[in-house]
Amino acid sequence: MIIGADELILWLRKNNHTLEPNERLGKEIRKIIEGDNIGGKLIERNKHSYWGNEKNANRFNLPKTSAQYEISINKATTLFQTLENRYIAI
């Protein structure tokens, strides 16, 4: 499956998991996806992010561009669990 760092950042923001800056989140997301547990690969660096409207982008402090990754569909749960464990708001 193809998933963008922007989608993962949106998920983290909507679920109140982190206020980390987008650039830092993007770097961490790349490490997680390309790591041994996920084994994904970068397929595009700066794809324009599409948000329903600018209001949503500002509301959740979302990036205007993001990297896109290819991961095995059976690794999606592991990816979201890893992100949640790392960034859950305390």
N, C-alpha and C. Protein backbone atom coordinates (compact mmCIF):
# COMPACT_ATOMS: atom_id res chain seq x y z
N MET A 1 0.85 -1.17 0.00
CA MET A 1 0.00 0.00 0.00
C MET A 1 0.89 1.23 0.00
N ILE A 2 0.36 2.33 -0.50
CA ILE A 2 1.09 3.59 -0.49
C ILE A 2 0.46 4.49 0.56
N ILE A 3 1.31 5.03 1.42
CA ILE A 3 0.84 5.91 2.49
C ILE A 3 1.80 7.09 2.61
N GLY A 4 1.24 8.25 2.85
CA GLY A 4 2.05 9.46 2.96
C GLY A 4 2.29 9.84 4.42
N ALA A 5 3.42 10.46 4.65
CA ALA A 5 3.70 10.96 5.99
C ALA A 5 2.64 11.98 6.41
N ASP A 6 2.07 12.70 5.43
CA ASP A 6 1.03 13.67 5.74
C ASP A 6 -0.20 12.99 6.34
N GLU A 7 -0.56 11.82 5.82
CA GLU A 7 -1.70 11.08 6.36
C GLU A 7 -1.44 10.61 7.79
N LEU A 8 -0.21 10.20 8.03
CA LEU A 8 0.16 9.74 9.38
C LEU A 8 0.20 10.91 10.36
N ILE A 9 0.68 12.05 9.91
CA ILE A 9 0.70 13.25 10.76
C ILE A 9 -0.73 13.68 11.07
N LEU A 10 -1.60 13.65 10.07
CA LEU A 10 -3.00 13.97 10.32
C LEU A 10 -3.59 13.04 11.37
N TRP A 11 -3.35 11.75 11.25
CA TRP A 11 -3.87 10.78 12.22
C TRP A 11 -3.35 11.08 13.62
N LEU A 12 -2.07 11.37 13.72
CA LEU A 12 -1.49 11.70 15.03
C LEU A 12 -2.13 12.96 15.61
N ARG A 13 -2.30 13.98 14.79
CA ARG A 13 -2.88 15.24 15.26
C ARG A 13 -4.35 15.07 15.65
N LYS A 14 -5.13 14.39 14.81
CA LYS A 14 -6.56 14.22 15.09
C LYS A 14 -6.79 13.42 16.37
N ASN A 15 -5.86 12.56 16.71
CA ASN A 15 -6.00 11.75 17.91
C ASN A 15 -5.22 12.31 19.10
N ASN A 16 -4.78 13.57 18.96
CA ASN A 16 -4.08 14.26 20.04
C ASN A 16 -2.87 13.50 20.58
N HIS A 17 -2.11 12.90 19.67
CA HIS A 17 -0.96 12.15 20.09
C HIS A 17 0.33 12.98 20.20
N THR A 18 0.40 14.10 19.49
CA THR A 18 1.65 14.86 19.54
C THR A 18 1.47 16.29 19.02
N LEU A 19 2.33 17.14 19.50
CA LEU A 19 2.42 18.52 18.99
C LEU A 19 3.80 18.75 18.37
N GLU A 20 4.55 17.67 18.16
CA GLU A 20 5.88 17.76 17.56
C GLU A 20 5.80 18.47 16.21
N PRO A 21 6.83 19.22 15.84
CA PRO A 21 6.85 19.88 14.53
C PRO A 21 6.80 18.86 13.38
N ASN A 22 6.18 19.25 12.28
CA ASN A 22 6.03 18.36 11.12
C ASN A 22 7.36 17.80 10.62
N GLU A 23 8.37 18.64 10.56
CA GLU A 23 9.67 18.19 10.04
C GLU A 23 10.24 17.06 10.90
N ARG A 24 10.17 17.21 12.20
CA ARG A 24 10.67 16.17 13.11
C ARG A 24 9.83 14.89 12.97
N LEU A 25 8.51 15.06 12.90
CA LEU A 25 7.64 13.90 12.72
C LEU A 25 7.96 13.17 11.42
N GLY A 26 8.15 13.93 10.35
CA GLY A 26 8.47 13.32 9.06
C GLY A 26 9.74 12.48 9.12
N LYS A 27 10.77 12.98 9.80
CA LYS A 27 12.02 12.23 9.94
C LYS A 27 11.81 10.95 10.75
N GLU A 28 11.05 11.04 11.82
CA GLU A 28 10.78 9.87 12.65
C GLU A 28 9.92 8.86 11.91
N ILE A 29 8.93 9.34 11.17
CA ILE A 29 8.08 8.44 10.39
C ILE A 29 8.93 7.68 9.37
N ARG A 30 9.87 8.37 8.74
CA ARG A 30 10.73 7.70 7.77
C ARG A 30 11.56 6.60 8.44
N LYS A 31 12.13 6.89 9.61
CA LYS A 31 12.91 5.88 10.32
C LYS A 31 12.06 4.66 10.66
N ILE A 32 10.83 4.92 11.11
CA ILE A 32 9.93 3.82 11.48
C ILE A 32 9.57 2.99 10.25
N ILE A 33 9.18 3.65 9.18
CA ILE A 33 8.73 2.92 7.98
C ILE A 33 9.87 2.15 7.33
N GLU A 34 11.05 2.74 7.29
CA GLU A 34 12.18 2.07 6.65
C GLU A 34 12.89 1.11 7.59
N GLY A 35 12.47 1.06 8.83
CA GLY A 35 13.10 0.17 9.81
C GLY A 35 12.75 -1.30 9.60
N ASP A 36 13.37 -2.14 10.39
CA ASP A 36 13.21 -3.59 10.25
C ASP A 36 11.78 -4.07 10.47
N ASN A 37 11.04 -3.46 11.38
CA ASN A 37 9.69 -3.93 11.69
C ASN A 37 8.68 -3.67 10.58
N ILE A 38 8.89 -2.61 9.79
CA ILE A 38 7.96 -2.28 8.72
C ILE A 38 8.54 -2.65 7.35
N GLY A 39 9.80 -2.31 7.13
CA GLY A 39 10.47 -2.66 5.88
C GLY A 39 9.91 -1.97 4.65
N GLY A 40 9.37 -0.76 4.83
CA GLY A 40 8.84 0.00 3.72
C GLY A 40 9.93 0.74 2.96
N LYS A 41 9.52 1.37 1.84
CA LYS A 41 10.50 2.14 1.07
C LYS A 41 9.90 3.47 0.63
N LEU A 42 10.76 4.46 0.57
CA LEU A 42 10.41 5.79 0.09
C LEU A 42 10.18 5.71 -1.42
N ILE A 43 9.05 6.26 -1.89
CA ILE A 43 8.80 6.26 -3.33
C ILE A 43 8.69 7.68 -3.90
N GLU A 44 8.48 8.67 -3.04
CA GLU A 44 8.40 10.06 -3.50
C GLU A 44 8.70 10.97 -2.31
N ARG A 45 9.48 12.03 -2.55
CA ARG A 45 9.91 12.89 -1.44
C ARG A 45 8.95 14.03 -1.11
N ASN A 46 8.51 14.77 -2.06
CA ASN A 46 7.75 16.01 -1.80
C ASN A 46 6.44 16.06 -2.56
N LYS A 47 5.59 15.13 -2.34
CA LYS A 47 4.30 15.14 -3.01
C LYS A 47 3.41 16.18 -2.35
N HIS A 48 2.72 16.96 -3.17
CA HIS A 48 1.81 17.98 -2.65
C HIS A 48 0.71 17.31 -1.85
N SER A 49 0.50 17.77 -0.63
CA SER A 49 -0.55 17.22 0.23
C SER A 49 -1.89 17.81 -0.18
N TYR A 50 -2.90 16.98 -0.22
CA TYR A 50 -4.23 17.46 -0.54
C TYR A 50 -5.09 17.41 0.71
N TRP A 51 -5.55 18.55 1.13
CA TRP A 51 -6.45 18.63 2.27
C TRP A 51 -7.74 19.25 1.76
N GLY A 52 -8.85 18.82 2.33
CA GLY A 52 -10.16 19.28 1.89
C GLY A 52 -10.25 20.79 1.76
N ASN A 53 -9.64 21.48 2.67
CA ASN A 53 -9.58 22.94 2.59
C ASN A 53 -8.45 23.44 3.49
N GLU A 54 -8.08 24.67 3.27
CA GLU A 54 -6.98 25.27 4.03
C GLU A 54 -7.30 25.33 5.52
N LYS A 55 -8.57 25.46 5.85
CA LYS A 55 -8.98 25.53 7.26
C LYS A 55 -8.55 24.26 8.01
N ASN A 56 -8.75 23.09 7.40
CA ASN A 56 -8.34 21.84 8.03
C ASN A 56 -6.83 21.75 8.18
N ALA A 57 -6.10 22.20 7.16
CA ALA A 57 -4.65 22.17 7.22
C ALA A 57 -4.14 23.03 8.37
N ASN A 58 -4.70 24.20 8.52
CA ASN A 58 -4.29 25.09 9.61
C ASN A 58 -4.73 24.57 10.96
N ARG A 59 -5.94 24.02 11.02
CA ARG A 59 -6.48 23.52 12.28
C ARG A 59 -5.59 22.45 12.89
N PHE A 60 -5.07 21.55 12.05
CA PHE A 60 -4.25 20.46 12.55
C PHE A 60 -2.76 20.66 12.30
N ASN A 61 -2.35 21.85 11.84
CA ASN A 61 -0.95 22.15 11.57
C ASN A 61 -0.34 21.08 10.66
N LEU A 62 -0.93 20.91 9.48
CA LEU A 62 -0.51 19.86 8.56
C LEU A 62 0.48 20.35 7.54
N PRO A 63 1.36 19.45 7.05
CA PRO A 63 2.37 19.84 6.07
C PRO A 63 1.76 20.07 4.69
N LYS A 64 2.41 20.94 3.90
CA LYS A 64 1.95 21.21 2.54
C LYS A 64 2.46 20.15 1.56
N THR A 65 3.59 19.54 1.87
CA THR A 65 4.12 18.43 1.07
C THR A 65 4.59 17.34 2.03
N SER A 66 4.72 16.14 1.49
CA SER A 66 5.22 15.06 2.35
C SER A 66 5.78 13.92 1.50
N ALA A 67 6.55 13.08 2.17
CA ALA A 67 7.09 11.88 1.54
C ALA A 67 6.00 10.82 1.45
N GLN A 68 6.11 10.00 0.42
CA GLN A 68 5.18 8.90 0.21
C GLN A 68 5.97 7.59 0.31
N TYR A 69 5.35 6.61 0.94
CA TYR A 69 6.02 5.33 1.18
C TYR A 69 5.17 4.18 0.69
N GLU A 70 5.85 3.10 0.35
CA GLU A 70 5.18 1.85 0.02
C GLU A 70 5.48 0.86 1.14
N ILE A 71 4.41 0.30 1.72
CA ILE A 71 4.57 -0.71 2.76
C ILE A 71 3.64 -1.87 2.44
N SER A 72 3.96 -3.00 2.99
CA SER A 72 3.09 -4.17 2.87
C SER A 72 1.82 -3.90 3.68
N ILE A 73 0.68 -4.25 3.15
CA ILE A 73 -0.59 -4.00 3.83
C ILE A 73 -0.62 -4.65 5.20
N ASN A 74 0.04 -5.79 5.36
CA ASN A 74 0.01 -6.47 6.65
C ASN A 74 0.91 -5.80 7.69
N LYS A 75 1.61 -4.74 7.31
CA LYS A 75 2.44 -3.97 8.25
C LYS A 75 1.74 -2.69 8.73
N ALA A 76 0.57 -2.40 8.21
CA ALA A 76 -0.13 -1.16 8.57
C ALA A 76 -0.45 -1.09 10.06
N THR A 77 -0.94 -2.17 10.63
CA THR A 77 -1.25 -2.18 12.07
C THR A 77 0.00 -1.93 12.89
N THR A 78 1.10 -2.58 12.53
CA THR A 78 2.36 -2.38 13.23
C THR A 78 2.80 -0.93 13.15
N LEU A 79 2.64 -0.32 11.98
CA LEU A 79 3.01 1.08 11.80
C LEU A 79 2.21 1.98 12.73
N PHE A 80 0.89 1.84 12.74
CA PHE A 80 0.05 2.69 13.58
C PHE A 80 0.29 2.43 15.07
N GLN A 81 0.52 1.19 15.46
CA GLN A 81 0.81 0.89 16.86
C GLN A 81 2.14 1.50 17.28
N THR A 82 3.12 1.43 16.41
CA THR A 82 4.43 2.02 16.71
C THR A 82 4.31 3.53 16.88
N LEU A 83 3.59 4.18 15.97
CA LEU A 83 3.39 5.63 16.08
C LEU A 83 2.64 5.98 17.36
N GLU A 84 1.59 5.24 17.65
CA GLU A 84 0.81 5.53 18.85
C GLU A 84 1.66 5.35 20.10
N ASN A 85 2.44 4.28 20.18
CA ASN A 85 3.28 4.04 21.35
C ASN A 85 4.34 5.12 21.52
N ARG A 86 4.85 5.62 20.41
CA ARG A 86 5.92 6.62 20.47
C ARG A 86 5.38 8.01 20.78
N TYR A 87 4.19 8.34 20.27
CA TYR A 87 3.72 9.72 20.34
C TYR A 87 2.47 9.93 21.16
N ILE A 88 2.03 8.97 21.90
CA ILE A 88 0.82 9.17 22.69
C ILE A 88 1.03 10.34 23.66
N ALA A 89 0.06 11.24 23.67
CA ALA A 89 0.16 12.42 24.53
C ALA A 89 -0.05 12.02 25.98
N ILE A 90 0.82 12.49 26.82
CA ILE A 90 0.72 12.19 28.25
C ILE A 90 0.30 13.42 29.01
